[in-house]
Amino acid sequence: MKFTLSLHARIAIFALLMAGAMLAVAGYSLVQIVTYAVTDNLDDKIDVQIDIIERAFDGDGDLRKDRLFLYPELRDAGSNWGWYATSPKGGWHGGTAVRDIVFPYPKVHPSNDGYSGNAVSDSGLSVHVRRRDRPSSKISIMIVTPNAVIWGPIGRTRSGVYLVLGFLGFVILLISFLQVRYGLQPVRRFRDAVDRVRLGEAQTLSTVQPSELRPLATEMNALIARNEAGLEHARNHVANLAHAVKTPLASLALQLELENASSESMALVTQIGTRIDHHLRRARSAATGLGARARADAREVIDELKAAFERPFQRRSLTIFDTVPRGLIVGVDREDLAEMLGNLLENAGRYARTRLSISASVDKGAVILRLEDDGAGIPAALIASALQPGVRLDETTAGYGLGLAIVRELAELYGGNLRLDNSAELGGLEARLSLPRASNAA
């Protein structure tokens, strides 16, 4: 079966992906902005040192190092700190030596004729370099600083950014959840309204819906109306068919009786009448039971059947153990439920020795009615055959083999089913009748 995501899942996943993408872009942009700002701020301070070194050159292009003695950061540069200066008169440097100098293009942080790049110090660490070229005097000055000076503040700022983004992500997740719950609330109410129509608690859907659902409600109401009209036509057709078939059959039976026909002929007419009654009941159930979205109290029907079977069961010393709770409503026409349970009780009572059991359970939207007996049961290989119309596994008893088939057909008509198995508790046959559950509301 193809897996399909629910609307909740679709909207939630899309919202989370959008929020995640936005947060990722925002986080990356903020980190880049912070990196640029911190580096630019450092370069501004480095430019001050470059100004100091530039002013230490005299008019002939010689560097007067004595003018740097007042600045300890230049005179005694620490580890991974340093400076370089060149002019037509020579080159000077202090502090750490660097190699593999790279200046990205386009130039990074270009200001005051200066630009930034990266290099590797003599200790093998990556360092930040800032250079200024004066074409007019042909003086070039470069300052070396450890990357830790930049990445320390950036790391602390990045942690703060990630913390804020995490909080924003939680807020967005909460808002998305509330948005999905609130936005799809009309869909859930619409689903519940359809369920009430299915259970017979309402006849139509309310058209007071959001604009997206209003046309759907209108179309479904039109479909319900057409279905009701078709079922009314079917009811009338079944009634006419019953009159057209059964009246001549009754006349035929009377004529055969007047003519003193043989018992075989009378039995054949009786058999035909029984089969016609069976199929007319099925058609009547299809036209009436489903169209009215019927309901029946299982407890009340079982009580009536127990009273009807009380005397024949007492003569055979059969005891019925019944644990079906009150208020168990099934979405089945009352007469059809009585016919199904009556056939199952009659079948169980025919083969039970001393005990019958009736129990019920609820599985999601279905009611499971179990009828078990302590008889001989049915061999597993013959269970499927027992549910076929006209098949009789026991030729020693009267009947036409329609009882279990009637139950199965009626159950399937209402969207349920009938399953046979051997009873684990009593040892005989277990009949599991599954029928749709209806609400207890009237």
Protein backbone atom coordinates (compact mmCIF):
# COMPACT_ATOMS: atom_id res chain seq x y z
CA MET A 1 0.00 0.00 0.00
CA LYS A 2 1.34 3.41 -0.95
CA PHE A 3 2.27 5.52 2.08
CA THR A 4 0.64 8.96 2.11
CA LEU A 5 1.47 11.69 4.59
CA SER A 6 -1.41 13.33 6.43
CA LEU A 7 -2.16 17.03 5.99
CA HIS A 8 -0.84 17.63 9.51
CA ALA A 9 2.44 15.95 8.64
CA ARG A 10 2.75 17.73 5.28
CA ILE A 11 2.22 21.20 6.72
CA ALA A 12 4.35 20.51 9.81
CA ILE A 13 7.27 19.12 7.77
CA PHE A 14 7.12 22.00 5.30
CA ALA A 15 6.98 24.55 8.15
CA LEU A 16 9.93 22.90 9.90
CA LEU A 17 11.98 22.79 6.69
CA MET A 18 11.23 26.44 5.98
CA ALA A 19 12.02 27.44 9.56
CA GLY A 20 15.23 25.38 9.52
CA ALA A 21 16.34 26.91 6.22
CA MET A 22 15.58 30.41 7.45
CA LEU A 23 17.43 29.84 10.72
CA ALA A 24 20.40 28.33 8.87
CA VAL A 25 20.60 31.31 6.51
CA ALA A 26 20.12 33.75 9.39
CA GLY A 27 22.77 31.98 11.48
CA TYR A 28 25.29 31.91 8.67
CA SER A 29 24.61 35.57 7.82
CA LEU A 30 24.93 36.67 11.45
CA VAL A 31 28.19 34.78 11.90
CA GLN A 32 29.58 36.35 8.72
CA ILE A 33 28.46 39.80 9.83
CA VAL A 34 30.01 39.31 13.26
CA THR A 35 33.22 37.96 11.70
CA TYR A 36 33.43 40.96 9.39
CA ALA A 37 32.69 43.40 12.22
CA VAL A 38 35.25 41.89 14.60
CA THR A 39 37.92 41.64 11.92
CA ASP A 40 37.21 45.18 10.72
CA ASN A 41 37.47 46.48 14.27
CA LEU A 42 40.83 44.72 14.69
CA ASP A 43 42.04 46.09 11.38
CA ASP A 44 41.18 49.60 12.57
CA LYS A 45 43.46 49.06 15.58
CA ILE A 46 46.17 47.57 13.36
CA ASP A 47 45.94 50.61 11.09
CA VAL A 48 46.93 52.73 14.09
CA GLN A 49 50.13 50.65 14.44
CA ILE A 50 50.76 50.97 10.71
CA ASP A 51 50.39 54.75 11.07
CA ILE A 52 52.98 54.71 13.84
CA ILE A 53 55.46 52.74 11.73
CA GLU A 54 54.78 54.94 8.70
CA ARG A 55 55.53 58.08 10.74
CA ALA A 56 58.81 56.48 11.89
CA PHE A 57 60.20 56.82 8.33
CA ASP A 58 62.21 59.96 7.64
CA GLY A 59 62.15 61.92 4.44
CA ASP A 60 64.86 59.76 2.87
CA GLY A 61 62.88 56.53 3.28
CA ASP A 62 64.89 55.24 6.29
CA LEU A 63 63.04 53.72 9.26
CA ARG A 64 63.96 55.38 12.54
CA LYS A 65 63.46 52.42 14.95
CA ASP A 66 64.18 54.69 17.92
CA ARG A 67 60.84 56.30 17.23
CA LEU A 68 59.20 52.92 17.96
CA PHE A 69 60.65 52.58 21.46
CA LEU A 70 57.64 54.36 22.90
CA TYR A 71 55.37 51.54 21.66
CA PRO A 72 56.08 48.24 23.46
CA GLU A 73 53.76 46.23 21.16
CA LEU A 74 56.05 47.14 18.27
CA ARG A 75 59.36 47.14 20.10
CA ASP A 76 58.84 43.80 21.85
CA ALA A 77 56.27 41.92 19.77
CA GLY A 78 55.06 38.72 21.42
CA SER A 79 54.60 35.22 20.02
CA ASN A 80 52.83 35.21 16.66
CA TRP A 81 52.92 39.01 16.62
CA GLY A 82 55.15 40.99 14.34
CA TRP A 83 55.61 43.69 11.73
CA TYR A 84 57.39 44.23 8.40
CA ALA A 85 58.34 47.45 6.68
CA THR A 86 60.05 48.02 3.31
CA SER A 87 61.16 51.05 1.33
CA PRO A 88 63.66 51.71 -1.45
CA LYS A 89 66.25 52.04 1.31
CA GLY A 90 65.75 48.50 2.74
CA GLY A 91 63.58 46.30 4.88
CA TRP A 92 62.92 46.05 8.61
CA HIS A 93 60.90 43.68 10.77
CA GLY A 94 60.20 42.73 14.36
CA GLY A 95 58.54 39.80 16.11
CA THR A 96 57.47 36.58 14.40
CA ALA A 97 58.37 35.61 10.85
CA VAL A 98 55.67 34.52 8.44
CA ARG A 99 55.39 32.57 5.20
CA ASP A 100 52.74 31.57 2.68
CA ILE A 101 51.16 35.00 2.72
CA VAL A 102 47.85 35.11 0.85
CA PHE A 103 45.80 38.22 0.15
CA PRO A 104 42.35 37.29 -1.21
CA TYR A 105 41.01 39.02 -4.26
CA PRO A 106 38.99 41.13 -4.15
CA LYS A 107 40.78 42.73 -1.26
CA VAL A 108 39.34 42.12 2.20
CA HIS A 109 38.67 45.11 4.47
CA PRO A 110 40.21 47.65 2.11
CA SER A 111 40.59 51.01 3.88
CA ASN A 112 43.33 53.64 4.20
CA ASP A 113 45.16 51.88 1.34
CA GLY A 114 45.30 48.79 3.56
CA TYR A 115 43.96 45.27 3.03
CA SER A 116 43.94 42.01 5.01
CA GLY A 117 45.04 38.45 4.38
CA ASN A 118 46.34 35.26 6.00
CA ALA A 119 49.75 33.69 6.55
CA VAL A 120 51.53 31.00 8.55
CA SER A 121 53.86 31.97 11.40
CA ASP A 122 57.24 30.40 12.06
CA SER A 123 55.56 28.27 14.74
CA GLY A 124 53.15 26.86 12.16
CA LEU A 125 50.04 28.72 13.34
CA SER A 126 47.68 30.59 11.07
CA VAL A 127 47.94 34.35 11.56
CA HIS A 128 46.13 37.46 10.35
CA VAL A 129 48.10 40.00 8.34
CA ARG A 130 47.29 43.59 7.49
CA ARG A 131 49.23 45.46 4.78
CA ARG A 132 49.39 49.01 3.51
CA ASP A 133 51.17 50.13 0.33
CA ARG A 134 52.06 53.77 -0.38
CA PRO A 135 52.82 53.95 -4.10
CA SER A 136 53.98 57.57 -3.84
CA SER A 137 56.77 56.82 -1.34
CA LYS A 138 57.08 53.14 -2.26
CA ILE A 139 56.72 52.23 1.43
CA SER A 140 54.97 48.95 2.35
CA ILE A 141 54.07 48.04 5.92
CA MET A 142 52.55 44.76 7.21
CA ILE A 143 51.35 43.87 10.72
CA VAL A 144 51.01 40.24 11.93
CA THR A 145 48.51 39.28 14.65
CA PRO A 146 47.37 35.86 15.98
CA ASN A 147 44.04 34.63 14.64
CA ALA A 148 43.01 33.98 18.24
CA VAL A 149 42.62 37.74 18.63
CA ILE A 150 39.87 37.53 16.01
CA TRP A 151 38.37 34.10 16.63
CA GLY A 152 38.16 34.45 20.40
CA PRO A 153 35.51 37.20 20.27
CA ILE A 154 33.95 35.58 17.19
CA GLY A 155 33.61 32.22 19.01
CA ARG A 156 31.98 33.89 22.03
CA THR A 157 29.67 35.86 19.80
CA ARG A 158 28.88 32.76 17.71
CA SER A 159 27.87 30.85 20.86
CA GLY A 160 25.50 33.65 21.74
CA VAL A 161 24.10 33.68 18.20
CA TYR A 162 23.52 29.92 18.26
CA LEU A 163 21.82 30.19 21.65
CA VAL A 164 19.47 32.88 20.35
CA LEU A 165 18.82 30.91 17.17
CA GLY A 166 18.05 27.80 19.22
CA PHE A 167 15.52 29.75 21.27
CA LEU A 168 14.01 31.20 18.09
CA GLY A 169 13.86 27.69 16.64
CA PHE A 170 11.90 26.49 19.68
CA VAL A 171 9.53 29.46 19.41
CA ILE A 172 9.04 28.84 15.68
CA LEU A 173 8.43 25.13 16.36
CA LEU A 174 5.80 26.00 18.96
CA ILE A 175 4.16 28.55 16.67
CA SER A 176 4.18 26.04 13.78
CA PHE A 177 2.51 23.42 15.99
CA LEU A 178 -0.17 25.88 17.09
CA GLN A 179 -0.59 27.05 13.49
CA VAL A 180 -1.12 23.49 12.26
CA ARG A 181 -3.53 22.69 15.08
CA TYR A 182 -5.55 25.87 14.60
CA GLY A 183 -5.32 25.93 10.79
CA LEU A 184 -6.52 22.33 10.38
CA GLN A 185 -9.16 22.47 13.10
CA PRO A 186 -11.96 22.97 10.50
CA VAL A 187 -10.76 19.84 8.68
CA ARG A 188 -10.98 17.81 11.89
CA ARG A 189 -14.47 19.19 12.59
CA PHE A 190 -15.48 18.33 9.02
CA ARG A 191 -14.19 14.77 9.51
CA ASP A 192 -16.21 14.44 12.73
CA ALA A 193 -19.31 15.79 10.96
CA VAL A 194 -18.94 13.18 8.20
CA ASP A 195 -18.59 10.51 10.89
CA ARG A 196 -21.83 11.69 12.54
CA VAL A 197 -23.63 11.41 9.21
CA ARG A 198 -22.23 7.91 8.75
CA LEU A 199 -23.42 6.89 12.22
CA GLY A 200 -26.90 8.32 11.64
CA GLU A 201 -26.55 11.13 14.19
CA ALA A 202 -26.98 13.77 11.47
CA GLN A 203 -28.64 13.76 8.06
CA THR A 204 -26.49 16.35 6.26
CA LEU A 205 -23.28 18.34 6.67
CA SER A 206 -23.37 21.93 7.80
CA THR A 207 -22.44 24.38 5.05
CA VAL A 208 -21.10 26.86 7.62
CA GLN A 209 -17.53 26.00 6.71
CA PRO A 210 -14.37 27.84 5.65
CA SER A 211 -14.43 28.83 1.98
CA GLU A 212 -12.13 25.90 1.08
CA LEU A 213 -14.46 23.30 2.65
CA ARG A 214 -17.84 24.83 1.80
CA PRO A 215 -17.96 23.47 -1.80
CA LEU A 216 -16.99 20.01 -0.52
CA ALA A 217 -19.80 20.08 2.08
CA THR A 218 -22.27 21.17 -0.61
CA GLU A 219 -21.21 18.38 -2.97
CA MET A 220 -21.36 15.74 -0.22
CA ASN A 221 -24.86 16.90 0.78
CA ALA A 222 -25.91 16.58 -2.86
CA LEU A 223 -24.41 13.09 -2.95
CA ILE A 224 -26.28 12.14 0.23
CA ALA A 225 -29.52 13.43 -1.27
CA ARG A 226 -28.99 11.46 -4.49
CA ASN A 227 -28.16 8.37 -2.44
CA GLU A 228 -31.35 8.75 -0.39
CA ALA A 229 -33.40 9.14 -3.59
CA GLY A 230 -31.79 6.04 -5.08
CA LEU A 231 -32.45 4.04 -1.93
CA GLU A 232 -36.09 5.16 -1.87
CA HIS A 233 -36.42 3.91 -5.43
CA ALA A 234 -34.77 0.63 -4.42
CA ARG A 235 -37.17 0.21 -1.50
CA ASN A 236 -40.16 0.67 -3.78
CA HIS A 237 -38.66 -1.72 -6.32
CA VAL A 238 -38.11 -4.41 -3.67
CA ALA A 239 -41.66 -4.01 -2.40
CA ASN A 240 -43.03 -4.38 -5.93
CA LEU A 241 -40.78 -7.37 -6.58
CA ALA A 242 -41.92 -9.10 -3.39
CA HIS A 243 -45.55 -8.64 -4.37
CA ALA A 244 -44.97 -9.75 -7.97
CA VAL A 245 -43.10 -12.94 -6.99
CA LYS A 246 -44.61 -14.11 -3.73
CA THR A 247 -48.27 -13.69 -4.69
CA PRO A 248 -48.10 -16.11 -7.68
CA LEU A 249 -45.98 -18.48 -5.58
CA ALA A 250 -48.63 -18.51 -2.84
CA SER A 251 -51.29 -19.16 -5.46
CA LEU A 252 -49.23 -22.04 -6.85
CA ALA A 253 -48.88 -23.60 -3.40
CA LEU A 254 -52.64 -23.31 -2.84
CA GLN A 255 -53.39 -24.86 -6.23
CA LEU A 256 -51.02 -27.77 -5.55
CA GLU A 257 -52.71 -28.33 -2.21
CA LEU A 258 -56.15 -28.33 -3.84
CA GLU A 259 -54.94 -30.81 -6.44
CA ASN A 260 -53.51 -33.09 -3.74
CA ALA A 261 -50.02 -32.77 -5.21
CA SER A 262 -47.24 -34.98 -3.97
CA SER A 263 -45.26 -34.14 -0.86
CA GLU A 264 -42.15 -33.75 -3.05
CA SER A 265 -43.87 -31.02 -5.08
CA MET A 266 -45.03 -29.22 -1.95
CA ALA A 267 -41.51 -29.42 -0.44
CA LEU A 268 -40.05 -28.02 -3.65
CA VAL A 269 -42.43 -25.06 -3.56
CA THR A 270 -41.59 -24.51 0.11
CA GLN A 271 -37.87 -24.59 -0.70
CA ILE A 272 -38.34 -22.06 -3.51
CA GLY A 273 -40.31 -19.81 -1.17
CA THR A 274 -37.59 -20.01 1.46
CA ARG A 275 -34.89 -19.03 -1.03
CA ILE A 276 -36.99 -16.16 -2.39
CA ASP A 277 -37.58 -14.88 1.15
CA HIS A 278 -33.86 -15.05 1.79
CA HIS A 279 -32.88 -12.97 -1.21
CA LEU A 280 -35.69 -10.48 -0.73
CA ARG A 281 -34.53 -9.91 2.83
CA ARG A 282 -31.02 -9.19 1.53
CA ALA A 283 -32.34 -6.70 -0.99
CA ARG A 284 -34.61 -5.11 1.61
CA SER A 285 -31.69 -4.75 3.99
CA ALA A 286 -29.58 -3.11 1.27
CA ALA A 287 -32.36 -0.65 0.48
CA THR A 288 -33.49 0.08 4.03
CA GLY A 289 -30.80 -0.68 6.58
CA LEU A 290 -27.94 1.27 5.03
CA GLY A 291 -30.06 4.06 3.68
CA ALA A 292 -31.41 4.93 7.11
CA ARG A 293 -27.97 4.57 8.74
CA ALA A 294 -29.59 2.15 11.19
CA ARG A 295 -28.75 1.56 14.85
CA ALA A 296 -29.51 -1.24 17.24
CA ASP A 297 -28.80 -1.98 20.90
CA ALA A 298 -27.02 -5.34 20.94
CA ARG A 299 -27.96 -5.95 24.57
CA GLU A 300 -31.70 -5.55 23.92
CA VAL A 301 -31.63 -7.80 20.85
CA ILE A 302 -29.73 -10.53 22.73
CA ASP A 303 -32.21 -10.37 25.61
CA GLU A 304 -35.10 -10.90 23.20
CA LEU A 305 -33.35 -13.81 21.49
CA LYS A 306 -32.50 -15.45 24.82
CA ALA A 307 -36.18 -15.28 25.78
CA ALA A 308 -37.18 -16.85 22.44
CA PHE A 309 -34.65 -19.68 22.75
CA GLU A 310 -35.17 -20.23 26.49
CA ARG A 311 -37.61 -23.19 26.28
CA PRO A 312 -35.90 -25.24 23.56
CA PHE A 313 -32.54 -24.69 25.23
CA GLN A 314 -33.93 -25.71 28.64
CA ARG A 315 -35.26 -28.96 27.19
CA ARG A 316 -31.73 -29.74 26.02
CA SER A 317 -30.19 -28.54 29.32
CA LEU A 318 -28.24 -25.79 27.53
CA THR A 319 -26.99 -22.85 29.56
CA ILE A 320 -26.20 -19.43 28.00
CA PHE A 321 -23.40 -17.41 29.62
CA ASP A 322 -23.86 -13.80 28.50
CA THR A 323 -21.40 -10.95 29.25
CA VAL A 324 -22.49 -8.39 26.63
CA PRO A 325 -22.65 -4.95 28.31
CA ARG A 326 -25.62 -2.63 28.11
CA GLY A 327 -25.55 0.41 25.84
CA LEU A 328 -23.49 -1.33 23.16
CA ILE A 329 -24.86 0.26 19.96
CA VAL A 330 -24.06 -1.16 16.53
CA GLY A 331 -24.71 0.53 13.18
CA VAL A 332 -27.06 -2.21 11.97
CA ASP A 333 -30.81 -2.43 11.44
CA ARG A 334 -32.44 -4.03 14.47
CA GLU A 335 -34.20 -6.76 12.46
CA ASP A 336 -31.00 -7.61 10.60
CA LEU A 337 -29.07 -7.84 13.87
CA ALA A 338 -31.75 -10.10 15.29
CA GLU A 339 -31.60 -12.31 12.21
CA MET A 340 -27.79 -12.57 12.33
CA LEU A 341 -27.62 -13.35 16.05
CA GLY A 342 -30.66 -15.60 15.81
CA ASN A 343 -29.05 -17.72 13.09
CA LEU A 344 -25.82 -17.95 15.09
CA LEU A 345 -27.67 -18.89 18.29
CA GLU A 346 -29.76 -21.47 16.47
CA ASN A 347 -26.66 -22.95 14.86
CA ALA A 348 -24.75 -23.03 18.17
CA GLY A 349 -27.72 -24.47 20.03
CA ARG A 350 -28.09 -27.26 17.49
CA TYR A 351 -24.57 -28.60 18.11
CA ALA A 352 -23.73 -27.48 21.66
CA ARG A 353 -23.69 -30.08 24.43
CA THR A 354 -24.35 -28.10 27.61
CA ARG A 355 -23.01 -24.59 27.26
CA LEU A 356 -23.14 -21.47 25.05
CA SER A 357 -21.22 -18.26 25.56
CA ILE A 358 -21.97 -14.76 24.21
CA SER A 359 -19.41 -11.99 24.73
CA ALA A 360 -18.53 -8.65 23.15
CA SER A 361 -15.54 -6.38 22.72
CA VAL A 362 -14.82 -3.10 20.97
CA ASP A 363 -11.95 -2.71 18.52
CA LYS A 364 -11.65 0.91 17.33
CA GLY A 365 -14.81 1.51 15.26
CA ALA A 366 -16.06 -2.09 15.31
CA VAL A 367 -18.06 -4.22 17.74
CA ILE A 368 -16.95 -7.87 17.94
CA LEU A 369 -19.69 -10.28 19.10
CA ARG A 370 -18.43 -13.79 19.93
CA LEU A 371 -20.70 -16.83 20.16
CA GLU A 372 -19.03 -20.04 21.35
CA ASP A 373 -20.31 -23.52 22.10
CA ASP A 374 -18.90 -26.70 23.60
CA GLY A 375 -19.88 -28.92 20.67
CA ALA A 376 -17.66 -30.82 18.27
CA GLY A 377 -16.79 -27.73 16.22
CA ILE A 378 -15.90 -27.71 12.51
CA PRO A 379 -12.68 -29.09 11.02
CA ALA A 380 -10.40 -26.24 9.93
CA ALA A 381 -10.44 -27.45 6.33
CA LEU A 382 -14.26 -27.13 6.18
CA ILE A 383 -14.69 -23.72 7.83
CA ALA A 384 -14.59 -21.78 4.54
CA SER A 385 -17.22 -24.12 3.04
CA ALA A 386 -19.56 -23.57 5.97
CA LEU A 387 -20.03 -19.94 4.97
CA GLN A 388 -21.13 -20.73 1.40
CA PRO A 389 -24.86 -20.59 0.56
CA GLY A 390 -26.52 -24.01 0.21
CA VAL A 391 -23.63 -25.93 1.74
CA ARG A 392 -24.62 -28.23 4.61
CA LEU A 393 -21.87 -29.95 6.53
CA ASP A 394 -24.38 -31.98 8.58
CA GLU A 395 -26.94 -33.81 6.41
CA THR A 396 -28.64 -35.34 9.45
CA THR A 397 -30.39 -32.09 10.38
CA ALA A 398 -33.11 -30.18 8.56
CA GLY A 399 -32.42 -26.98 6.66
CA TYR A 400 -31.12 -25.57 3.43
CA GLY A 401 -27.60 -24.53 4.46
CA LEU A 402 -28.40 -20.80 4.37
CA GLY A 403 -28.02 -19.78 8.04
CA LEU A 404 -24.31 -18.92 8.24
CA ALA A 405 -24.31 -17.62 4.67
CA ILE A 406 -27.13 -15.21 5.56
CA VAL A 407 -25.15 -13.94 8.54
CA ARG A 408 -22.02 -13.45 6.44
CA GLU A 409 -23.88 -11.64 3.66
CA LEU A 410 -25.70 -9.35 6.08
CA ALA A 411 -22.51 -8.53 7.99
CA GLU A 412 -20.64 -7.68 4.79
CA LEU A 413 -23.57 -5.54 3.68
CA TYR A 414 -22.89 -3.29 6.68
CA GLY A 415 -19.13 -3.32 6.22
CA GLY A 416 -18.51 -6.08 8.78
CA ASN A 417 -17.64 -9.74 8.51
CA LEU A 418 -18.20 -13.19 10.01
CA ARG A 419 -15.24 -15.40 10.95
CA LEU A 420 -15.43 -18.99 12.19
CA ASP A 421 -12.81 -20.72 14.30
CA ASN A 422 -12.52 -23.34 17.00
CA SER A 423 -13.24 -22.05 20.48
CA ALA A 424 -10.16 -22.02 22.67
CA GLU A 425 -12.31 -21.79 25.82
CA LEU A 426 -15.22 -24.18 25.18
CA GLY A 427 -13.71 -26.44 22.51
CA GLY A 428 -16.54 -26.12 19.99
CA LEU A 429 -17.19 -23.53 17.29
CA GLU A 430 -16.46 -19.84 17.80
CA ALA A 431 -18.32 -17.37 15.55
CA ARG A 432 -16.86 -13.82 15.55
CA LEU A 433 -19.36 -11.33 14.17
CA SER A 434 -17.77 -7.93 13.43
CA LEU A 435 -20.15 -5.00 12.91
CA PRO A 436 -19.66 -1.22 12.75
CA ARG A 437 -20.04 0.58 16.05
CA ALA A 438 -22.51 3.44 16.39
CA SER A 439 -22.49 6.26 18.87
CA ASN A 440 -24.60 5.93 22.05
CA ALA A 441 -26.15 9.30 21.29
CA ALA A 442 -29.70 9.11 20.02
